[in-house]
PDB file of N, CA and C in Angstrom:
ATOM      1  N   MET A   1      10.384 -32.442  19.831  1.00  0.00           N
ATOM      2  CA  MET A   1       9.610 -33.161  18.845  1.00  0.00           C
ATOM      3  C   MET A   1       9.132 -34.510  19.397  1.00  0.00           C
ATOM      4  N   TYR A   2       9.829 -35.028  20.370  1.00  0.00           N
ATOM      5  CA  TYR A   2       9.484 -36.325  20.961  1.00  0.00           C
ATOM      6  C   TYR A   2       8.036 -36.362  21.471  1.00  0.00           C
ATOM      7  N   PRO A   3       7.593 -35.377  22.277  1.00  0.00           N
ATOM      8  CA  PRO A   3       6.204 -35.437  22.766  1.00  0.00           C
ATOM      9  C   PRO A   3       5.175 -35.397  21.632  1.00  0.00           C
ATOM     10  N   GLN A   4       5.425 -34.582  20.618  1.00  0.00           N
ATOM     11  CA  GLN A   4       4.480 -34.487  19.504  1.00  0.00           C
ATOM     12  C   GLN A   4       4.426 -35.805  18.720  1.00  0.00           C
ATOM     13  N   ALA A   5       5.577 -36.445  18.557  1.00  0.00           N
ATOM     14  CA  ALA A   5       5.622 -37.706  17.824  1.00  0.00           C
ATOM     15  C   ALA A   5       4.856 -38.794  18.579  1.00  0.00           C
ATOM     16  N   VAL A   6       5.059 -38.852  19.877  1.00  0.00           N
ATOM     17  CA  VAL A   6       4.351 -39.856  20.677  1.00  0.00           C
ATOM     18  C   VAL A   6       2.855 -39.558  20.670  1.00  0.00           C
ATOM     19  N   GLU A   7       2.503 -38.296  20.749  1.00  0.00           N
ATOM     20  CA  GLU A   7       1.103 -37.881  20.688  1.00  0.00           C
ATOM     21  C   GLU A   7       0.478 -38.249  19.341  1.00  0.00           C
ATOM     22  N   ALA A   8       1.270 -38.236  18.285  1.00  0.00           N
ATOM     23  CA  ALA A   8       0.783 -38.567  16.938  1.00  0.00           C
ATOM     24  C   ALA A   8       0.701 -40.071  16.708  1.00  0.00           C
ATOM     25  N   GLY A   9       1.075 -40.871  17.708  1.00  0.00           N
ATOM     26  CA  GLY A   9       0.893 -42.313  17.605  1.00  0.00           C
ATOM     27  C   GLY A   9       2.152 -43.128  17.416  1.00  0.00           C
ATOM     28  N   ILE A  10       3.314 -42.509  17.462  1.00  0.00           N
ATOM     29  CA  ILE A  10       4.561 -43.256  17.334  1.00  0.00           C
ATOM     30  C   ILE A  10       4.928 -43.798  18.715  1.00  0.00           C
ATOM     31  N   PRO A  11       5.162 -45.112  18.828  1.00  0.00           N
ATOM     32  CA  PRO A  11       5.522 -45.676  20.124  1.00  0.00           C
ATOM     33  C   PRO A  11       6.816 -45.046  20.667  1.00  0.00           C
ATOM     34  N   ALA A  12       6.805 -44.723  21.941  1.00  0.00           N
ATOM     35  CA  ALA A  12       7.955 -44.071  22.559  1.00  0.00           C
ATOM     36  C   ALA A  12       9.217 -44.925  22.447  1.00  0.00           C
ATOM     37  N   THR A  13       9.059 -46.235  22.457  1.00  0.00           N
ATOM     38  CA  THR A  13      10.227 -47.122  22.383  1.00  0.00           C
ATOM     39  C   THR A  13      10.849 -47.137  20.994  1.00  0.00           C
ATOM     40  N   GLU A  14      10.066 -46.802  19.972  1.00  0.00           N
ATOM     41  CA  GLU A  14      10.578 -46.827  18.600  1.00  0.00           C
ATOM     42  C   GLU A  14      11.083 -45.462  18.134  1.00  0.00           C
ATOM     43  N   TYR A  15      10.678 -44.414  18.798  1.00  0.00           N
ATOM     44  CA  TYR A  15      11.001 -43.057  18.361  1.00  0.00           C
ATOM     45  C   TYR A  15      12.497 -42.848  18.208  1.00  0.00           C
ATOM     46  N   TRP A  16      13.269 -43.287  19.155  1.00  0.00           N
ATOM     47  CA  TRP A  16      14.705 -42.987  19.170  1.00  0.00           C
ATOM     48  C   TRP A  16      15.486 -43.746  18.105  1.00  0.00           C
ATOM     49  N   GLN A  17      14.909 -44.796  17.544  1.00  0.00           N
ATOM     50  CA  GLN A  17      15.604 -45.536  16.491  1.00  0.00           C
ATOM     51  C   GLN A  17      15.199 -45.077  15.095  1.00  0.00           C
ATOM     52  N   MET A  18      14.289 -44.107  15.009  1.00  0.00           N
ATOM     53  CA  MET A  18      13.766 -43.672  13.712  1.00  0.00           C
ATOM     54  C   MET A  18      14.473 -42.405  13.229  1.00  0.00           C
ATOM     55  N   THR A  19      14.570 -42.305  11.896  1.00  0.00           N
ATOM     56  CA  THR A  19      15.100 -41.073  11.313  1.00  0.00           C
ATOM     57  C   THR A  19      13.958 -40.058  11.206  1.00  0.00           C
ATOM     58  N   LEU A  20      14.312 -38.815  10.903  1.00  0.00           N
ATOM     59  CA  LEU A  20      13.291 -37.778  10.775  1.00  0.00           C
ATOM     60  C   LEU A  20      12.298 -38.122   9.663  1.00  0.00           C
ATOM     61  N   ASP A  21      12.805 -38.625   8.536  1.00  0.00           N
ATOM     62  CA  ASP A  21      11.914 -39.009   7.436  1.00  0.00           C
ATOM     63  C   ASP A  21      10.949 -40.113   7.870  1.00  0.00           C
ATOM     64  N   GLU A  22      11.453 -41.106   8.575  1.00  0.00           N
ATOM     65  CA  GLU A  22      10.604 -42.192   9.050  1.00  0.00           C
ATOM     66  C   GLU A  22       9.535 -41.671  10.008  1.00  0.00           C
ATOM     67  N   ILE A  23       9.924 -40.747  10.875  1.00  0.00           N
ATOM     68  CA  ILE A  23       8.965 -40.159  11.823  1.00  0.00           C
ATOM     69  C   ILE A  23       7.868 -39.425  11.072  1.00  0.00           C
ATOM     70  N   MET A  24       8.256 -38.624  10.083  1.00  0.00           N
ATOM     71  CA  MET A  24       7.266 -37.842   9.335  1.00  0.00           C
ATOM     72  C   MET A  24       6.325 -38.750   8.544  1.00  0.00           C
ATOM     73  N   ILE A  25       6.869 -39.808   7.949  1.00  0.00           N
ATOM     74  CA  ILE A  25       6.033 -40.752   7.211  1.00  0.00           C
ATOM     75  C   ILE A  25       5.061 -41.456   8.151  1.00  0.00           C
ATOM     76  N   GLN A  26       5.562 -41.865   9.318  1.00  0.00           N
ATOM     77  CA  GLN A  26       4.707 -42.557  10.279  1.00  0.00           C
ATOM     78  C   GLN A  26       3.613 -41.644  10.814  1.00  0.00           C
ATOM     79  N   VAL A  27       3.946 -40.380  11.071  1.00  0.00           N
ATOM     80  CA  VAL A  27       2.953 -39.412  11.552  1.00  0.00           C
ATOM     81  C   VAL A  27       1.867 -39.219  10.486  1.00  0.00           C
ATOM     82  N   ALA A  28       2.275 -39.082   9.223  1.00  0.00           N
ATOM     83  CA  ALA A  28       1.302 -38.910   8.141  1.00  0.00           C
ATOM     84  C   ALA A  28       0.410 -40.151   8.004  1.00  0.00           C
ATOM     85  N   ALA A  29       1.011 -41.325   8.114  1.00  0.00           N
ATOM     86  CA  ALA A  29       0.241 -42.563   8.013  1.00  0.00           C
ATOM     87  C   ALA A  29      -0.738 -42.688   9.174  1.00  0.00           C
ATOM     88  N   ASN A  30      -0.288 -42.357  10.373  1.00  0.00           N
ATOM     89  CA  ASN A  30      -1.175 -42.415  11.532  1.00  0.00           C
ATOM     90  C   ASN A  30      -2.337 -41.448  11.375  1.00  0.00           C
ATOM     91  N   LYS A  31      -2.053 -40.252  10.854  1.00  0.00           N
ATOM     92  CA  LYS A  31      -3.103 -39.256  10.638  1.00  0.00           C
ATOM     93  C   LYS A  31      -4.120 -39.765   9.621  1.00  0.00           C
ATOM     94  N   LYS A  32      -3.638 -40.345   8.527  1.00  0.00           N
ATOM     95  CA  LYS A  32      -4.538 -40.859   7.494  1.00  0.00           C
ATOM     96  C   LYS A  32      -5.379 -42.008   8.041  1.00  0.00           C
ATOM     97  N   ASN A  33      -4.763 -42.899   8.829  1.00  0.00           N
ATOM     98  CA  ASN A  33      -5.508 -44.002   9.428  1.00  0.00           C
ATOM     99  C   ASN A  33      -6.606 -43.491  10.354  1.00  0.00           C
ATOM    100  N   LYS A  34      -6.305 -42.478  11.129  1.00  0.00           N
ATOM    101  CA  LYS A  34      -7.293 -41.896  12.042  1.00  0.00           C
ATOM    102  C   LYS A  34      -8.438 -41.267  11.264  1.00  0.00           C
ATOM    103  N   GLU A  35      -8.126 -40.538  10.192  1.00  0.00           N
ATOM    104  CA  GLU A  35      -9.168 -39.931   9.358  1.00  0.00           C
ATOM    105  C   GLU A  35     -10.054 -41.009   8.734  1.00  0.00           C
ATOM    106  N   THR A  36      -9.449 -42.090   8.276  1.00  0.00           N
ATOM    107  CA  THR A  36     -10.211 -43.190   7.696  1.00  0.00           C
ATOM    108  C   THR A  36     -11.125 -43.815   8.735  1.00  0.00           C
ATOM    109  N   GLU A  37     -10.586 -44.001   9.920  1.00  0.00           N
ATOM    110  CA  GLU A  37     -11.378 -44.575  11.013  1.00  0.00           C
ATOM    111  C   GLU A  37     -12.580 -43.680  11.343  1.00  0.00           C
ATOM    112  N   LEU A  38     -12.362 -42.374  11.411  1.00  0.00           N
ATOM    113  CA  LEU A  38     -13.458 -41.446  11.692  1.00  0.00           C
ATOM    114  C   LEU A  38     -14.496 -41.442  10.578  1.00  0.00           C
ATOM    115  N   ARG A  39     -14.034 -41.506   9.331  1.00  0.00           N
ATOM    116  CA  ARG A  39     -14.936 -41.547   8.185  1.00  0.00           C
ATOM    117  C   ARG A  39     -15.794 -42.818   8.233  1.00  0.00           C
ATOM    118  N   GLU A  40     -15.169 -43.956   8.556  1.00  0.00           N
ATOM    119  CA  GLU A  40     -15.902 -45.211   8.652  1.00  0.00           C
ATOM    120  C   GLU A  40     -16.926 -45.156   9.781  1.00  0.00           C
ATOM    121  N   ARG A  41     -16.531 -44.592  10.898  1.00  0.00           N
ATOM    122  CA  ARG A  41     -17.444 -44.470  12.031  1.00  0.00           C
ATOM    123  C   ARG A  41     -18.636 -43.585  11.671  1.00  0.00           C
ATOM    124  N   ALA A  42     -18.367 -42.484  10.979  1.00  0.00           N
ATOM    125  CA  ALA A  42     -19.440 -41.582  10.567  1.00  0.00           C
ATOM    126  C   ALA A  42     -20.389 -42.286   9.600  1.00  0.00           C
ATOM    127  N   MET A  43     -19.828 -43.062   8.676  1.00  0.00           N
ATOM    128  CA  MET A  43     -20.659 -43.783   7.717  1.00  0.00           C
ATOM    129  C   MET A  43     -21.525 -44.820   8.441  1.00  0.00           C
ATOM    130  N   PHE A  44     -20.933 -45.490   9.403  1.00  0.00           N
ATOM    131  CA  PHE A  44     -21.680 -46.483  10.182  1.00  0.00           C
ATOM    132  C   PHE A  44     -22.796 -45.806  10.982  1.00  0.00           C
ATOM    133  N   ASP A  45     -22.486 -44.692  11.631  1.00  0.00           N
ATOM    134  CA  ASP A  45     -23.499 -43.961  12.404  1.00  0.00           C
ATOM    135  C   ASP A  45     -24.643 -43.503  11.505  1.00  0.00           C
ATOM    136  N   TYR A  46     -24.303 -42.991  10.331  1.00  0.00           N
ATOM    137  CA  TYR A  46     -25.321 -42.529   9.388  1.00  0.00           C
ATOM    138  C   TYR A  46     -26.215 -43.689   8.961  1.00  0.00           C
ATOM    139  N   SER A  47     -25.612 -44.818   8.626  1.00  0.00           N
ATOM    140  CA  SER A  47     -26.388 -45.995   8.221  1.00  0.00           C
ATOM    141  C   SER A  47     -27.275 -46.474   9.360  1.00  0.00           C
ATOM    142  N   GLN A  48     -26.760 -46.431  10.551  1.00  0.00           N
ATOM    143  CA  GLN A  48     -27.527 -46.858  11.720  1.00  0.00           C
ATOM    144  C   GLN A  48     -28.754 -45.961  11.918  1.00  0.00           C
ATOM    145  N   GLN A  49     -28.580 -44.672  11.743  1.00  0.00           N
ATOM    146  CA  GLN A  49     -29.704 -43.754  11.883  1.00  0.00           C
ATOM    147  C   GLN A  49     -30.741 -43.966  10.779  1.00  0.00           C
ATOM    148  N   ARG A  50     -30.285 -44.199   9.564  1.00  0.00           N
ATOM    149  CA  ARG A  50     -31.215 -44.479   8.469  1.00  0.00           C
ATOM    150  C   ARG A  50     -32.024 -45.732   8.753  1.00  0.00           C
ATOM    151  N   LEU A  51     -31.355 -46.755   9.282  1.00  0.00           N
ATOM    152  CA  LEU A  51     -32.055 -47.998   9.606  1.00  0.00           C
ATOM    153  C   LEU A  51     -33.058 -47.779  10.735  1.00  0.00           C
ATOM    154  N   ALA A  52     -32.711 -46.942  11.700  1.00  0.00           N
ATOM    155  CA  ALA A  52     -33.623 -46.644  12.802  1.00  0.00           C
ATOM    156  C   ALA A  52     -34.881 -45.955  12.280  1.00  0.00           C
ATOM    157  N   VAL A  53     -34.708 -45.068  11.322  1.00  0.00           N
ATOM    158  CA  VAL A  53     -35.857 -44.381  10.728  1.00  0.00           C
ATOM    159  C   VAL A  53     -36.751 -45.387  10.009  1.00  0.00           C
ATOM    160  N   PHE A  54     -36.161 -46.298   9.240  1.00  0.00           N
ATOM    161  CA  PHE A  54     -36.939 -47.339   8.578  1.00  0.00           C
ATOM    162  C   PHE A  54     -37.680 -48.185   9.604  1.00  0.00           C
ATOM    163  N   ALA A  55     -36.972 -48.602  10.635  1.00  0.00           N
ATOM    164  CA  ALA A  55     -37.566 -49.483  11.634  1.00  0.00           C
ATOM    165  C   ALA A  55     -38.740 -48.806  12.341  1.00  0.00           C
ATOM    166  N   PHE A  56     -38.647 -47.523  12.581  1.00  0.00           N
ATOM    167  CA  PHE A  56     -39.697 -46.800  13.299  1.00  0.00           C
ATOM    168  C   PHE A  56     -40.866 -46.462  12.386  1.00  0.00           C
ATOM    169  N   ASN A  57     -40.594 -45.933  11.198  1.00  0.00           N
ATOM    170  CA  ASN A  57     -41.647 -45.438  10.315  1.00  0.00           C
ATOM    171  C   ASN A  57     -42.284 -46.521   9.446  1.00  0.00           C
ATOM    172  N   ASP A  58     -41.485 -47.385   8.890  1.00  0.00           N
ATOM    173  CA  ASP A  58     -42.020 -48.378   7.969  1.00  0.00           C
ATOM    174  C   ASP A  58     -41.223 -49.678   8.067  1.00  0.00           C
ATOM    175  N   PRO A  59     -41.501 -50.462   9.110  1.00  0.00           N
ATOM    176  CA  PRO A  59     -40.712 -51.688   9.324  1.00  0.00           C
ATOM    177  C   PRO A  59     -40.800 -52.693   8.176  1.00  0.00           C
ATOM    178  N   LYS A  60     -41.878 -52.633   7.388  1.00  0.00           N
ATOM    179  CA  LYS A  60     -42.033 -53.573   6.272  1.00  0.00           C
ATOM    180  C   LYS A  60     -40.998 -53.316   5.175  1.00  0.00           C
ATOM    181  N   LYS A  61     -40.538 -52.069   5.068  1.00  0.00           N
ATOM    182  CA  LYS A  61     -39.550 -51.719   4.049  1.00  0.00           C
ATOM    183  C   LYS A  61     -38.127 -51.726   4.599  1.00  0.00           C
ATOM    184  N   PHE A  62     -37.965 -52.310   5.766  1.00  0.00           N
ATOM    185  CA  PHE A  62     -36.641 -52.372   6.379  1.00  0.00           C
ATOM    186  C   PHE A  62     -35.709 -53.150   5.451  1.00  0.00           C
ATOM    187  N   PRO A  63     -34.583 -52.550   5.060  1.00  0.00           N
ATOM    188  CA  PRO A  63     -33.702 -53.222   4.083  1.00  0.00           C
ATOM    189  C   PRO A  63     -32.993 -54.438   4.688  1.00  0.00           C
ATOM    190  N   LYS A  64     -32.657 -55.342   3.795  1.00  0.00           N
ATOM    191  CA  LYS A  64     -31.882 -56.510   4.211  1.00  0.00           C
ATOM    192  C   LYS A  64     -30.478 -56.054   4.604  1.00  0.00           C
ATOM    193  N   PHE A  65     -29.795 -56.922   5.321  1.00  0.00           N
ATOM    194  CA  PHE A  65     -28.455 -56.594   5.819  1.00  0.00           C
ATOM    195  C   PHE A  65     -27.515 -56.205   4.682  1.00  0.00           C
ATOM    196  N   GLU A  66     -27.552 -56.962   3.588  1.00  0.00           N
ATOM    197  CA  GLU A  66     -26.663 -56.705   2.451  1.00  0.00           C
ATOM    198  C   GLU A  66     -26.972 -55.366   1.785  1.00  0.00           C
ATOM    199  N   GLU A  67     -28.245 -54.965   1.800  1.00  0.00           N
ATOM    200  CA  GLU A  67     -28.622 -53.683   1.216  1.00  0.00           C
ATOM    201  C   GLU A  67     -28.215 -52.531   2.124  1.00  0.00           C
ATOM    202  N   ALA A  68     -28.284 -52.757   3.426  1.00  0.00           N
ATOM    203  CA  ALA A  68     -27.938 -51.699   4.373  1.00  0.00           C
ATOM    204  C   ALA A  68     -26.438 -51.446   4.401  1.00  0.00           C
ATOM    205  N   TYR A  69     -25.663 -52.487   4.217  1.00  0.00           N
ATOM    206  CA  TYR A  69     -24.200 -52.371   4.259  1.00  0.00           C
ATOM    207  C   TYR A  69     -23.600 -52.985   2.994  1.00  0.00           C
ATOM    208  N   PRO A  70     -23.741 -52.303   1.860  1.00  0.00           N
ATOM    209  CA  PRO A  70     -23.265 -52.875   0.588  1.00  0.00           C
ATOM    210  C   PRO A  70     -21.749 -53.042   0.526  1.00  0.00           C
ATOM    211  N   PHE A  71     -21.011 -52.262   1.302  1.00  0.00           N
ATOM    212  CA  PHE A  71     -19.548 -52.375   1.263  1.00  0.00           C
ATOM    213  C   PHE A  71     -19.071 -53.726   1.783  1.00  0.00           C
ATOM    214  N   LEU A  72     -19.894 -54.406   2.577  1.00  0.00           N
ATOM    215  CA  LEU A  72     -19.511 -55.734   3.060  1.00  0.00           C
ATOM    216  C   LEU A  72     -19.451 -56.727   1.902  1.00  0.00           C
ATOM    217  N   ASN A  73     -20.352 -56.572   0.931  1.00  0.00           N
ATOM    218  CA  ASN A  73     -20.299 -57.436  -0.257  1.00  0.00           C
ATOM    219  C   ASN A  73     -19.035 -57.169  -1.061  1.00  0.00           C
ATOM    220  N   GLN A  74     -18.628 -55.901  -1.124  1.00  0.00           N
ATOM    221  CA  GLN A  74     -17.401 -55.562  -1.847  1.00  0.00           C
ATOM    222  C   GLN A  74     -16.202 -56.214  -1.173  1.00  0.00           C
ATOM    223  N   ILE A  75     -16.187 -56.194   0.153  1.00  0.00           N
ATOM    224  CA  ILE A  75     -15.095 -56.834   0.893  1.00  0.00           C
ATOM    225  C   ILE A  75     -15.105 -58.336   0.637  1.00  0.00           C
ATOM    226  N   LYS A  76     -16.290 -58.918   0.681  1.00  0.00           N
ATOM    227  CA  LYS A  76     -16.428 -60.363   0.435  1.00  0.00           C
ATOM    228  C   LYS A  76     -15.944 -60.714  -0.970  1.00  0.00           C
ATOM    229  N   ASP A  77     -16.342 -59.895  -1.957  1.00  0.00           N
ATOM    230  CA  ASP A  77     -15.904 -60.131  -3.337  1.00  0.00           C
ATOM    231  C   ASP A  77     -14.393 -59.995  -3.474  1.00  0.00           C
ATOM    232  N   ALA A  78     -13.822 -59.015  -2.789  1.00  0.00           N
ATOM    233  CA  ALA A  78     -12.370 -58.821  -2.842  1.00  0.00           C
ATOM    234  C   ALA A  78     -11.645 -60.020  -2.250  1.00  0.00           C
ATOM    235  N   VAL A  79     -12.175 -60.568  -1.167  1.00  0.00           N
ATOM    236  CA  VAL A  79     -11.567 -61.749  -0.544  1.00  0.00           C
ATOM    237  C   VAL A  79     -11.659 -62.940  -1.484  1.00  0.00           C
ATOM    238  N   GLU A  80     -12.827 -63.118  -2.109  1.00  0.00           N
ATOM    239  CA  GLU A  80     -13.000 -64.223  -3.057  1.00  0.00           C
ATOM    240  C   GLU A  80     -12.055 -64.078  -4.248  1.00  0.00           C
ATOM    241  N   GLU A  81     -11.898 -62.834  -4.731  1.00  0.00           N
ATOM    242  CA  GLU A  81     -10.995 -62.581  -5.854  1.00  0.00           C
ATOM    243  C   GLU A  81      -9.553 -62.890  -5.463  1.00  0.00           C
ATOM    244  N   ALA A  82      -9.186 -62.515  -4.248  1.00  0.00           N
ATOM    245  CA  ALA A  82      -7.826 -62.801  -3.772  1.00  0.00           C
ATOM    246  C   ALA A  82      -7.614 -64.306  -3.680  1.00  0.00           C
ATOM    247  N   LYS A  83      -8.633 -65.034  -3.237  1.00  0.00           N
ATOM    248  CA  LYS A  83      -8.524 -66.492  -3.167  1.00  0.00           C
ATOM    249  C   LYS A  83      -8.331 -67.059  -4.569  1.00  0.00           C
ATOM    250  N   THR A  84      -9.102 -66.537  -5.527  1.00  0.00           N
ATOM    251  CA  THR A  84      -9.003 -67.013  -6.900  1.00  0.00           C
ATOM    252  C   THR A  84      -7.604 -66.743  -7.455  1.00  0.00           C
ATOM    253  N   GLU A  85      -7.078 -65.540  -7.198  1.00  0.00           N
ATOM    254  CA  GLU A  85      -5.727 -65.218  -7.665  1.00  0.00           C
ATOM    255  C   GLU A  85      -4.703 -66.156  -7.033  1.00  0.00           C
ATOM    256  N   GLU A  86      -4.875 -66.458  -5.751  1.00  0.00           N
ATOM    257  CA  GLU A  86      -3.944 -67.364  -5.072  1.00  0.00           C
ATOM    258  C   GLU A  86      -4.048 -68.769  -5.670  1.00  0.00           C
ATOM    259  N   GLN A  87      -5.262 -69.202  -5.987  1.00  0.00           N
ATOM    260  CA  GLN A  87      -5.438 -70.510  -6.602  1.00  0.00           C
ATOM    261  C   GLN A  87      -4.768 -70.555  -7.977  1.00  0.00           C
ATOM    262  N   LEU A  88      -4.890 -69.479  -8.746  1.00  0.00           N
ATOM    263  CA  LEU A  88      -4.238 -69.418 -10.058  1.00  0.00           C
ATOM    264  C   LEU A  88      -2.724 -69.499  -9.914  1.00  0.00           C
ATOM    265  N   LYS A  89      -2.193 -68.804  -8.914  1.00  0.00           N
ATOM    266  CA  LYS A  89      -0.749 -68.862  -8.673  1.00  0.00           C
ATOM    267  C   LYS A  89      -0.321 -70.275  -8.297  1.00  0.00           C
ATOM    268  N   GLN A  90      -1.126 -70.937  -7.456  1.00  0.00           N
ATOM    269  CA  GLN A  90      -0.802 -72.305  -7.043  1.00  0.00           C
ATOM    270  C   GLN A  90      -0.832 -73.252  -8.247  1.00  0.00           C
ATOM    271  N   GLU A  91      -1.829 -73.088  -9.122  1.00  0.00           N
ATOM    272  CA  GLU A  91      -1.921 -73.930 -10.309  1.00  0.00           C
ATOM    273  C   GLU A  91      -0.735 -73.696 -11.234  1.00  0.00           C
ATOM    274  N   ALA A  92      -0.362 -72.438 -11.425  1.00  0.00           N
ATOM    275  CA  ALA A  92       0.787 -72.117 -12.275  1.00  0.00           C
ATOM    276  C   ALA A  92       2.055 -72.723 -11.690  1.00  0.00           C
ATOM    277  N   MET A  93       2.197 -72.635 -10.376  1.00  0.00           N
ATOM    278  CA  MET A  93       3.374 -73.198  -9.721  1.00  0.00           C
ATOM    279  C   MET A  93       3.394 -74.722  -9.888  1.00  0.00           C
ATOM    280  N   SER A  94       2.244 -75.358  -9.787  1.00  0.00           N
ATOM    281  CA  SER A  94       2.167 -76.812  -9.977  1.00  0.00           C
ATOM    282  C   SER A  94       2.563 -77.201 -11.397  1.00  0.00           C
ATOM    283  N   ARG A  95       2.066 -76.437 -12.390  1.00  0.00           N
ATOM    284  CA  ARG A  95       2.433 -76.723 -13.786  1.00  0.00           C
ATOM    285  C   ARG A  95       3.934 -76.563 -13.994  1.00  0.00           C
ATOM    286  N   GLU A  96       4.492 -75.478 -13.460  1.00  0.00           N
ATOM    287  CA  GLU A  96       5.932 -75.255 -13.597  1.00  0.00           C
ATOM    288  C   GLU A  96       6.724 -76.368 -12.919  1.00  0.00           C
ATOM    289  N   GLN A  97       6.234 -76.826 -11.778  1.00  0.00           N
ATOM    290  CA  GLN A  97       6.911 -77.910 -11.068  1.00  0.00           C
ATOM    291  C   GLN A  97       6.860 -79.203 -11.895  1.00  0.00           C
ATOM    292  N   GLU A  98       5.726 -79.466 -12.524  1.00  0.00           N
ATOM    293  CA  GLU A  98       5.609 -80.652 -13.378  1.00  0.00           C
ATOM    294  C   GLU A  98       6.568 -80.569 -14.560  1.00  0.00           C
ATOM    295  N   ILE A  99       6.660 -79.405 -15.184  1.00  0.00           N
ATOM    296  CA  ILE A  99       7.586 -79.209 -16.306  1.00  0.00           C
ATOM    297  C   ILE A  99       9.021 -79.426 -15.839  1.00  0.00           C
ATOM    298  N   PHE A 100       9.356 -78.862 -14.694  1.00  0.00           N
ATOM    299  CA  PHE A 100      10.703 -79.010 -14.147  1.00  0.00           C
ATOM    300  C   PHE A 100      11.029 -80.475 -13.894  1.00  0.00           C
ATOM    301  N   LEU A 101      10.087 -81.201 -13.287  1.00  0.00           N
ATOM    302  CA  LEU A 101      10.318 -82.621 -13.012  1.00  0.00           C
ATOM    303  C   LEU A 101      10.460 -83.419 -14.306  1.00  0.00           C
ATOM    304  N   ALA A 102       9.670 -83.080 -15.317  1.00  0.00           N
ATOM    305  CA  ALA A 102       9.781 -83.776 -16.609  1.00  0.00           C
ATOM    306  C   ALA A 102      11.146 -83.510 -17.239  1.00  0.00           C
ATOM    307  N   GLN A 103      11.617 -82.277 -17.155  1.00  0.00           N
ATOM    308  CA  GLN A 103      12.941 -81.949 -17.688  1.00  0.00           C
ATOM    309  C   GLN A 103      14.032 -82.685 -16.918  1.00  0.00           C
ATOM    310  N   ALA A 104      13.880 -82.759 -15.605  1.00  0.00           N
ATOM    311  CA  ALA A 104      14.873 -83.469 -14.789  1.00  0.00           C
ATOM    312  C   ALA A 104      14.906 -84.954 -15.168  1.00  0.00           C
ATOM    313  N   GLU A 105      13.735 -85.551 -15.390  1.00  0.00           N
ATOM    314  CA  GLU A 105      13.679 -86.954 -15.808  1.00  0.00           C
ATOM    315  C   GLU A 105      14.327 -87.137 -17.174  1.00  0.00           C
ATOM    316  N   ALA A 106      14.106 -86.194 -18.094  1.00  0.00           N
ATOM    317  CA  ALA A 106      14.705 -86.282 -19.430  1.00  0.00           C
ATOM    318  C   ALA A 106      16.219 -86.200 -19.336  1.00  0.00           C
ATOM    319  N   ILE A 107      16.729 -85.313 -18.490  1.00  0.00           N
ATOM    320  CA  ILE A 107      18.181 -85.189 -18.304  1.00  0.00           C
ATOM    321  C   ILE A 107      18.742 -86.471 -17.712  1.00  0.00           C
ATOM    322  N   LYS A 108      18.040 -87.031 -16.734  1.00  0.00           N
ATOM    323  CA  LYS A 108      18.488 -88.274 -16.095  1.00  0.00           C
ATOM    324  C   LYS A 108      18.538 -89.411 -17.116  1.00  0.00           C
ATOM    325  N   ALA A 109      17.497 -89.505 -17.956  1.00  0.00           N
ATOM    326  CA  ALA A 109      17.458 -90.559 -18.971  1.00  0.00           C
ATOM    327  C   ALA A 109      18.588 -90.382 -19.978  1.00  0.00           C
ATOM    328  N   THR A 110      18.865 -89.125 -20.369  1.00  0.00           N
ATOM    329  CA  THR A 110      19.950 -88.857 -21.316  1.00  0.00           C
ATOM    330  C   THR A 110      21.289 -89.269 -20.712  1.00  0.00           C
ATOM    331  N   ARG A 111      21.513 -88.953 -19.459  1.00  0.00           N
ATOM    332  CA  ARG A 111      22.772 -89.333 -18.795  1.00  0.00           C
ATOM    333  C   ARG A 111      22.927 -90.852 -18.720  1.00  0.00           C
ATOM    334  N   GLU A 112      21.813 -91.539 -18.452  1.00  0.00           N
ATOM    335  CA  GLU A 112      21.881 -93.002 -18.375  1.00  0.00           C
ATOM    336  C   GLU A 112      22.191 -93.602 -19.750  1.00  0.00           C
ATOM    337  N   ARG A 113      21.599 -93.020 -20.812  1.00  0.00           N
ATOM    338  CA  ARG A 113      21.897 -93.507 -22.174  1.00  0.00           C
ATOM    339  C   ARG A 113      23.362 -93.279 -22.508  1.00  0.00           C
ATOM    340  N   ARG A 114      23.899 -92.079 -22.172  1.00  0.00           N
ATOM    341  CA  ARG A 114      25.312 -91.806 -22.438  1.00  0.00           C
ATOM    342  C   ARG A 114      26.215 -92.765 -21.676  1.00  0.00           C
ATOM    343  N   LYS A 115      25.849 -93.040 -20.451  1.00  0.00           N
ATOM    344  CA  LYS A 115      26.644 -93.960 -19.634  1.00  0.00           C
ATOM    345  C   LYS A 115      26.672 -95.344 -20.266  1.00  0.00           C
ATOM    346  N   LEU A 116      25.521 -95.805 -20.772  1.00  0.00           N
ATOM    347  CA  LEU A 116      25.462 -97.100 -21.426  1.00  0.00           C
ATOM    348  C   LEU A 116      26.295 -97.108 -22.715  1.00  0.00           C
ATOM    349  N   LEU A 117      26.271 -96.010 -23.477  1.00  0.00           N
ATOM    350  CA  LEU A 117      27.046 -95.914 -24.715  1.00  0.00           C
ATOM    351  C   LEU A 117      28.540 -95.901 -24.412  1.00  0.00           C
ATOM    352  N   GLU A 118      28.933 -95.231 -23.336  1.00  0.00           N
ATOM    353  CA  GLU A 118      30.357 -95.175 -22.960  1.00  0.00           C
ATOM    354  C   GLU A 118      30.857 -96.540 -22.497  1.00  0.00           C
ATOM    355  N   GLU A 119      30.006 -97.337 -21.899  1.00  0.00           N
ATOM    356  CA  GLU A 119      30.412 -98.638 -21.400  1.00  0.00           C
ATOM    357  C   GLU A 119      30.621 -99.637 -22.548  1.00  0.00           C
ATOM    358  N   ARG A 120      30.020 -99.417 -23.684  1.00  0.00           N
ATOM    359  CA  ARG A 120      30.138-100.335 -24.811  1.00  0.00           C
ATOM    360  C   ARG A 120      31.436-100.139 -25.461  1.00  0.00           C
TER     361      ARG A 120
END
């Protein structure tokens, strides 16, 4: 099984430390990644050929970059959305930190008042 596993993309140095389940999962993941890569390459080749036809037959109707590769806008939007989510998390963390500090100050003030009352 060792040669087949290495052929399927599992590093030879990692094979001996993996269980059978881990090997099978890694082989399946490698296969899926390869299929995705081939699908992306095919989509790119197809788009490239369509653009070549536009460029040769009717250069005036040649689509803009964003129109030719609309998935790039989706990636850009996903990145922007992730940034927004991270900013929301940072803001929430800042608010929680402010609340925590206010509570700590209130506890400190209460302890100081008790100390003053005990001294009297």
